[in-house]
Protein backbone atom coordinates (compact mmCIF):
# COMPACT_ATOMS: atom_id res chain seq x y z
CA MET A 1 105.76 81.34 90.97
CA ALA A 2 109.18 82.66 90.08
CA GLU A 3 109.50 86.27 88.87
CA ILE A 4 105.80 86.91 89.27
CA HIS A 5 106.17 90.67 88.76
CA GLN A 6 108.07 90.25 85.50
CA LEU A 7 105.46 87.75 84.34
CA ILE A 8 102.73 90.36 84.84
CA ILE A 9 104.77 93.17 83.26
CA ARG A 10 105.79 91.18 80.18
CA HIS A 11 102.70 89.10 79.50
CA GLY A 12 99.86 90.84 81.33
CA ILE A 13 97.65 89.98 84.26
CA ASP A 14 95.39 87.59 82.34
CA HIS A 15 98.35 85.41 81.37
CA ALA A 16 99.68 85.49 84.94
CA ARG A 17 96.30 84.42 86.29
CA GLN A 18 96.23 81.50 83.88
CA GLN A 19 99.62 80.34 85.15
CA ALA A 20 98.45 80.21 88.78
CA GLU A 21 97.79 76.59 89.72
CA SER A 22 96.61 76.98 93.32
CA LYS A 23 94.69 79.37 95.54
CA HIS A 24 97.97 80.52 97.09
CA GLU A 25 99.47 81.30 93.68
CA ARG A 26 96.31 83.19 92.69
CA LEU A 27 96.65 85.29 95.87
CA MET A 28 100.27 86.04 94.97
CA VAL A 29 99.30 87.12 91.46
CA GLU A 30 96.55 89.45 92.71
CA ALA A 31 98.78 90.98 95.39
CA ALA A 32 101.60 91.59 92.91
CA TYR A 33 99.21 93.05 90.33
CA GLN A 34 97.59 95.38 92.87
CA VAL A 35 100.97 96.80 93.92
CA LEU A 36 102.18 97.17 90.33
CA SER A 37 98.99 98.89 89.17
CA GLU A 38 98.98 101.62 91.83
CA ASP A 39 99.99 104.97 90.36
CA ALA A 40 100.71 106.92 93.55
CA GLU A 41 102.81 105.60 96.42
CA LYS A 42 101.08 106.04 99.78
CA ILE A 43 103.36 105.95 102.81
CA GLY A 44 102.46 104.63 106.23
CA PHE A 45 104.60 104.26 109.35
CA THR A 46 105.17 101.92 112.26
CA TYR A 47 107.55 101.82 115.22
CA SER A 48 110.75 99.86 114.53
CA GLY A 49 110.11 97.64 117.55
CA PHE A 50 107.16 96.09 115.71
CA ALA A 51 109.45 95.24 112.80
CA LEU A 52 111.52 93.04 115.11
CA THR A 53 108.82 91.50 117.31
CA SER A 54 105.20 90.57 116.76
CA PHE A 55 101.74 90.48 118.34
CA PRO A 56 99.82 87.22 118.68
CA HIS A 57 97.97 85.99 115.62
CA LYS A 58 95.18 84.37 117.65
CA PRO A 59 93.47 85.00 121.03
CA GLN A 60 95.63 84.26 124.07
CA THR A 61 94.63 82.93 127.48
CA ASP A 62 97.73 84.34 129.21
CA VAL A 63 97.77 87.97 130.36
CA VAL A 64 101.41 88.53 129.26
CA TRP A 65 102.78 88.04 125.74
CA ARG A 66 106.55 87.84 125.17
CA ARG A 67 108.33 87.77 121.81
CA GLU A 68 111.97 88.13 120.85
CA GLY A 69 113.38 89.61 117.67
CA HIS A 70 116.78 90.80 116.49
CA ASN A 71 118.33 92.22 119.71
CA LEU A 72 114.90 93.18 121.07
CA THR A 73 112.30 91.68 123.42
CA LEU A 74 108.65 92.73 123.64
CA LEU A 75 106.49 92.26 126.73
CA LEU A 76 102.81 93.01 126.17
CA GLU A 77 100.49 92.91 129.18
CA SER A 78 96.70 92.80 129.15
CA GLY A 79 94.75 95.57 130.83
CA TYR A 80 91.80 94.97 133.15
CA ASP A 81 88.20 96.07 133.26
CA ARG A 82 86.32 97.55 136.23
CA SER A 83 85.65 94.12 137.75
CA GLY A 84 89.31 93.12 137.52
CA LYS A 85 88.83 90.80 134.56
CA PRO A 86 91.62 90.87 131.90
CA THR A 87 90.51 92.61 128.71
CA GLY A 88 93.00 90.52 126.72
CA ILE A 89 96.09 90.93 124.54
CA PRO A 90 95.57 92.57 121.10
CA TYR A 91 95.89 90.01 118.31
CA GLY A 92 95.39 89.42 114.60
CA SER A 93 95.25 91.69 111.56
CA TYR A 94 92.65 94.14 112.93
CA ALA A 95 94.85 95.10 115.88
CA ARG A 96 97.76 95.60 113.51
CA PHE A 97 95.76 97.78 111.11
CA ILE A 98 94.35 99.96 113.92
CA LEU A 99 97.87 100.58 115.22
CA LEU A 100 99.23 101.21 111.72
CA PHE A 101 96.56 103.89 111.24
CA LEU A 102 97.35 105.59 114.57
CA GLN A 103 101.12 105.50 114.01
CA SER A 104 100.91 106.71 110.41
CA GLU A 105 98.67 109.63 111.36
CA ALA A 106 100.97 110.60 114.24
CA VAL A 107 104.09 110.67 112.04
CA ARG A 108 102.33 112.46 109.18
CA SER A 109 100.84 115.14 111.43
CA GLY A 110 103.82 115.45 113.77
CA SER A 111 101.43 115.26 116.72
CA ARG A 112 100.41 112.57 119.18
CA GLU A 113 96.83 113.83 119.02
CA ILE A 114 95.14 111.75 116.32
CA GLU A 115 91.90 112.78 114.63
CA LEU A 116 89.55 109.83 114.32
CA GLY A 117 86.07 111.01 113.29
CA ARG A 118 85.32 109.01 110.16
CA SER A 119 89.04 108.83 109.28
CA MET A 120 89.79 105.47 110.84
CA ARG A 121 86.73 103.85 109.33
CA VAL A 122 87.56 105.22 105.88
CA TRP A 123 91.21 104.14 106.19
CA LEU A 124 90.34 100.63 107.36
CA GLY A 125 87.92 100.40 104.45
CA SER A 126 90.67 101.43 102.05
CA MET A 127 92.74 98.53 103.43
CA GLY A 128 89.97 96.14 102.41
CA LEU A 129 88.41 95.81 105.87
CA SER A 130 84.68 96.38 105.56
CA ILE A 131 83.34 97.76 108.85
CA GLY A 132 79.99 96.32 109.77
CA GLY A 133 78.35 93.39 111.54
CA THR A 134 80.88 90.84 112.77
CA THR A 135 83.78 92.89 111.44
CA TYR A 136 82.69 95.89 113.48
CA LYS A 137 82.67 93.74 116.63
CA LEU A 138 86.20 92.55 115.89
CA VAL A 139 87.47 96.10 115.36
CA ASN A 140 85.74 97.30 118.52
CA GLU A 141 87.20 94.42 120.54
CA GLN A 142 90.75 95.05 119.33
CA ALA A 143 90.40 98.81 119.96
CA LYS A 144 89.45 98.03 123.57
CA ARG A 145 92.42 95.71 124.03
CA ILE A 146 94.83 98.24 122.50
CA SER A 147 93.46 100.98 124.77
CA ASN A 148 93.98 98.96 127.94
CA CYS A 149 97.23 97.05 127.41
CA ARG A 150 100.74 98.03 128.48
CA LEU A 151 104.02 97.28 126.75
CA GLN A 152 107.74 97.19 127.43
CA PHE A 153 110.71 96.80 125.10
CA PHE A 154 114.15 95.56 126.16
CA THR A 155 117.37 95.50 124.13
CA ASP A 156 119.99 92.78 124.36
CA ARG A 157 122.54 95.30 125.55
CA ALA A 158 122.66 94.37 129.25
CA GLY A 159 118.87 94.01 129.22
CA LYS A 160 118.42 97.76 128.86
CA GLU A 161 114.78 98.82 128.96
CA VAL A 162 113.85 100.86 125.90
CA MET A 163 110.21 101.51 126.79
CA ARG A 164 109.06 101.25 130.40
CA HIS A 165 105.43 100.32 131.05
CA GLY A 166 104.29 102.30 128.05
CA GLY A 167 100.88 102.10 126.46
CA PHE A 168 99.50 102.92 123.06
CA VAL A 169 97.00 105.62 123.95
CA ASP A 170 96.10 107.81 126.91
CA GLY A 171 92.47 107.13 127.64
CA SER A 172 90.67 104.81 125.24
CA ILE A 173 89.57 104.43 121.65
CA SER A 174 85.78 104.59 121.82
CA MET A 175 84.34 103.04 118.69
CA SER A 176 80.80 102.18 119.76
CA ASN A 177 79.27 104.09 116.84
CA LEU A 178 81.85 103.21 114.20
CA VAL A 179 79.18 101.99 111.79
CA SER A 180 77.49 105.38 111.76
CA ASP A 181 78.18 107.90 109.02
CA GLN A 182 77.85 110.68 111.57
CA PRO A 183 81.32 111.19 113.11
CA ALA A 184 79.93 113.37 115.92
CA LEU A 185 78.29 110.28 117.43
CA TRP A 186 81.62 108.76 118.41
CA GLN A 187 85.06 109.80 119.59
CA ASP A 188 86.70 112.50 117.47
CA ARG A 189 90.27 112.27 118.75
CA VAL A 190 92.66 110.04 120.67
CA LEU A 191 96.00 110.88 122.29
CA LEU A 192 98.95 108.53 121.76
CA ASN A 193 100.88 107.66 124.90
CA GLU A 194 103.76 110.14 125.18
CA GLU A 195 106.48 107.51 125.62
CA PHE A 196 105.17 105.45 122.73
CA TYR A 197 104.90 108.54 120.52
CA ARG A 198 108.49 109.54 121.34
CA ALA A 199 109.78 106.08 120.42
CA LEU A 200 107.76 106.13 117.18
CA LYS A 201 109.01 109.60 116.25
CA ASP A 202 112.64 108.61 116.90
CA HIS A 203 112.46 105.24 115.12
CA PRO A 204 109.76 105.19 112.40
CA VAL A 205 109.68 102.51 109.71
CA PRO A 206 108.13 103.66 106.41
CA VAL A 207 105.85 101.09 104.78
CA SER A 208 103.76 101.09 101.63
CA GLU A 209 100.03 101.39 102.25
CA ASN A 210 99.54 100.01 98.74
CA ALA A 211 101.39 96.86 99.81
CA LEU A 212 99.38 96.59 103.04
CA ARG A 213 96.16 96.88 101.02
CA ALA A 214 97.36 94.11 98.71
CA ILE A 215 98.23 91.90 101.69
CA GLY A 216 94.89 92.45 103.42
CA PRO A 217 93.87 90.85 106.73
CA ARG A 218 96.71 88.32 106.99
CA SER A 219 98.54 89.03 110.22
CA MET A 220 101.77 87.07 109.68
CA VAL A 221 102.14 88.39 106.14
CA ILE A 222 101.82 91.93 107.55
CA ASP A 223 104.55 91.16 110.10
CA VAL A 224 106.88 89.64 107.50
CA TYR A 225 106.38 92.56 105.09
CA ILE A 226 107.13 95.16 107.81
CA TRP A 227 110.22 93.20 108.86
CA LEU A 228 111.51 93.12 105.28
CA ALA A 229 110.75 96.83 104.83
CA TYR A 230 112.82 97.55 107.92
CA ARG A 231 115.80 95.29 107.25
CA LEU A 232 116.45 94.92 103.52
CA HIS A 233 117.25 98.47 102.41
CA VAL A 234 119.96 99.00 105.07
CA LEU A 235 121.88 95.79 104.35
CA THR A 236 125.34 96.03 102.79
CA LYS A 237 125.81 92.27 102.39
CA ASP A 238 123.78 89.07 102.48
CA VAL A 239 122.50 87.98 105.90
CA GLU A 240 121.25 84.50 106.73
CA VAL A 241 118.43 84.14 109.28
CA SER A 242 117.91 80.67 110.72
CA TRP A 243 114.58 78.88 111.03
CA MET A 244 115.05 78.94 114.80
CA ALA A 245 115.42 82.74 114.82
CA LEU A 246 112.42 83.13 112.50
CA HIS A 247 110.33 80.87 114.73
CA THR A 248 111.33 82.88 117.81
CA GLN A 249 110.17 86.14 116.18
CA PHE A 250 107.18 85.09 114.09
CA GLY A 251 106.19 81.64 115.30
CA GLY A 252 103.86 82.40 118.20
CA GLY A 253 101.29 79.58 118.25
CA PHE A 254 103.53 77.09 116.39
CA LYS A 255 105.18 74.49 118.64
CA LEU A 256 106.91 72.65 115.82
CA ILE A 257 109.39 74.51 113.62
CA ARG A 258 108.52 72.09 110.81
CA LYS A 259 104.90 73.27 110.69
CA PHE A 260 105.90 76.88 111.20
CA ARG A 261 108.35 76.69 108.29
CA ALA A 262 105.70 75.62 105.77
CA HIS A 263 103.32 78.39 106.86
CA PHE A 264 106.08 81.00 107.00
CA ILE A 265 107.19 80.27 103.43
CA GLU A 266 103.65 80.90 102.15
CA CYS A 267 103.47 84.15 104.12
CA LEU A 268 106.89 85.18 102.84
CA GLU A 269 105.82 84.58 99.24
CA LEU A 270 102.79 86.85 99.69
CA ALA A 271 104.92 89.52 101.36
CA LEU A 272 107.39 89.37 98.47
CA ALA A 273 104.52 89.70 95.99
CA ALA A 274 103.70 93.01 97.73
CA TYR A 275 107.38 94.10 97.78
CA PRO A 276 108.62 93.76 94.17
CA ASP A 277 112.22 94.88 94.86
CA ALA A 278 112.84 92.57 97.82
CA LYS A 279 115.70 90.10 97.35
CA VAL A 280 115.14 87.08 99.57
CA SER A 281 115.90 83.40 99.07
CA VAL A 282 114.83 80.33 101.04
CA THR A 283 117.44 77.74 102.06
CA GLU A 284 117.45 74.56 104.13
CA ARG A 285 118.89 76.47 107.10
CA GLY A 286 116.58 79.48 106.90
CA ILE A 287 116.28 82.46 104.57
CA THR A 288 118.90 84.77 103.09
CA LEU A 289 118.27 88.51 103.02
CA SER A 290 120.14 90.49 100.34
CA PRO A 291 120.57 94.27 99.97
CA SER A 292 117.44 95.59 98.25
CA ARG A 293 115.77 98.79 97.20
CA PRO A 294 113.49 100.31 99.86
CA ALA A 295 109.87 99.21 100.07
CA ILE A 296 109.02 102.89 99.52
CA ALA A 297 110.53 104.26 96.33
CA LYS A 298 110.78 107.79 97.75
CA LEU A 299 113.34 106.71 100.37
């Protein structure tokens, strides 16, 4: 739906909903409306490396995950439990939201010591992730994988290593009593890995928590939105990104570029619904990024 934000502004949400002819278009309308109706901008943060590479979207059988982005390569390695069994690579929207919470709190507080208590549960709830039952098990599983895994980043400049065998946290995120309303029953604090915290502090990417809430638990849409938030506002001219480059960065799990392309376009449309000022166009060769206002108005 072209100019979805203007449609809502000029004719109202009810009219926009009536124009939506598919489930996907209805999702776009609701995401756009949610972002437009928020009064206060809430800012979150993520490390720039995650704007150029991506986690898996689904469970992986391999113990090492490798993705390439614009001049950057990510290697993510599973940790192991006491018996030597791999705990697995973090994947999906829950892993992304847990890390977004930890990174945002670290940048806001200026400390790598993050207070959890009930904070993470409340924040995840505000993002539309109800914590309980099956959802609780998913959050707990991703917290364990994040706690145990190791990561490296390399640049294309002579293969220089940006982050050497870093991790996300020192120790672990213990969330066994996340469903309780009594924060004393589970871990109060977690310490970000020092190398990871330093990289985050030096290269933070501001994102809109309102936009993330509108996107919800859709992992590729989250990745595309963060990528756009990182790239668009610093452009001085149009930049074309090929389908091959997009597949290399975002297409984990898609063998055929043809199938990836159709899914990516849907994800892009939802990301653009959550980023009203983004200027992006789809072409036969890929997509064209144009200089745009920041995803966060305060920038």
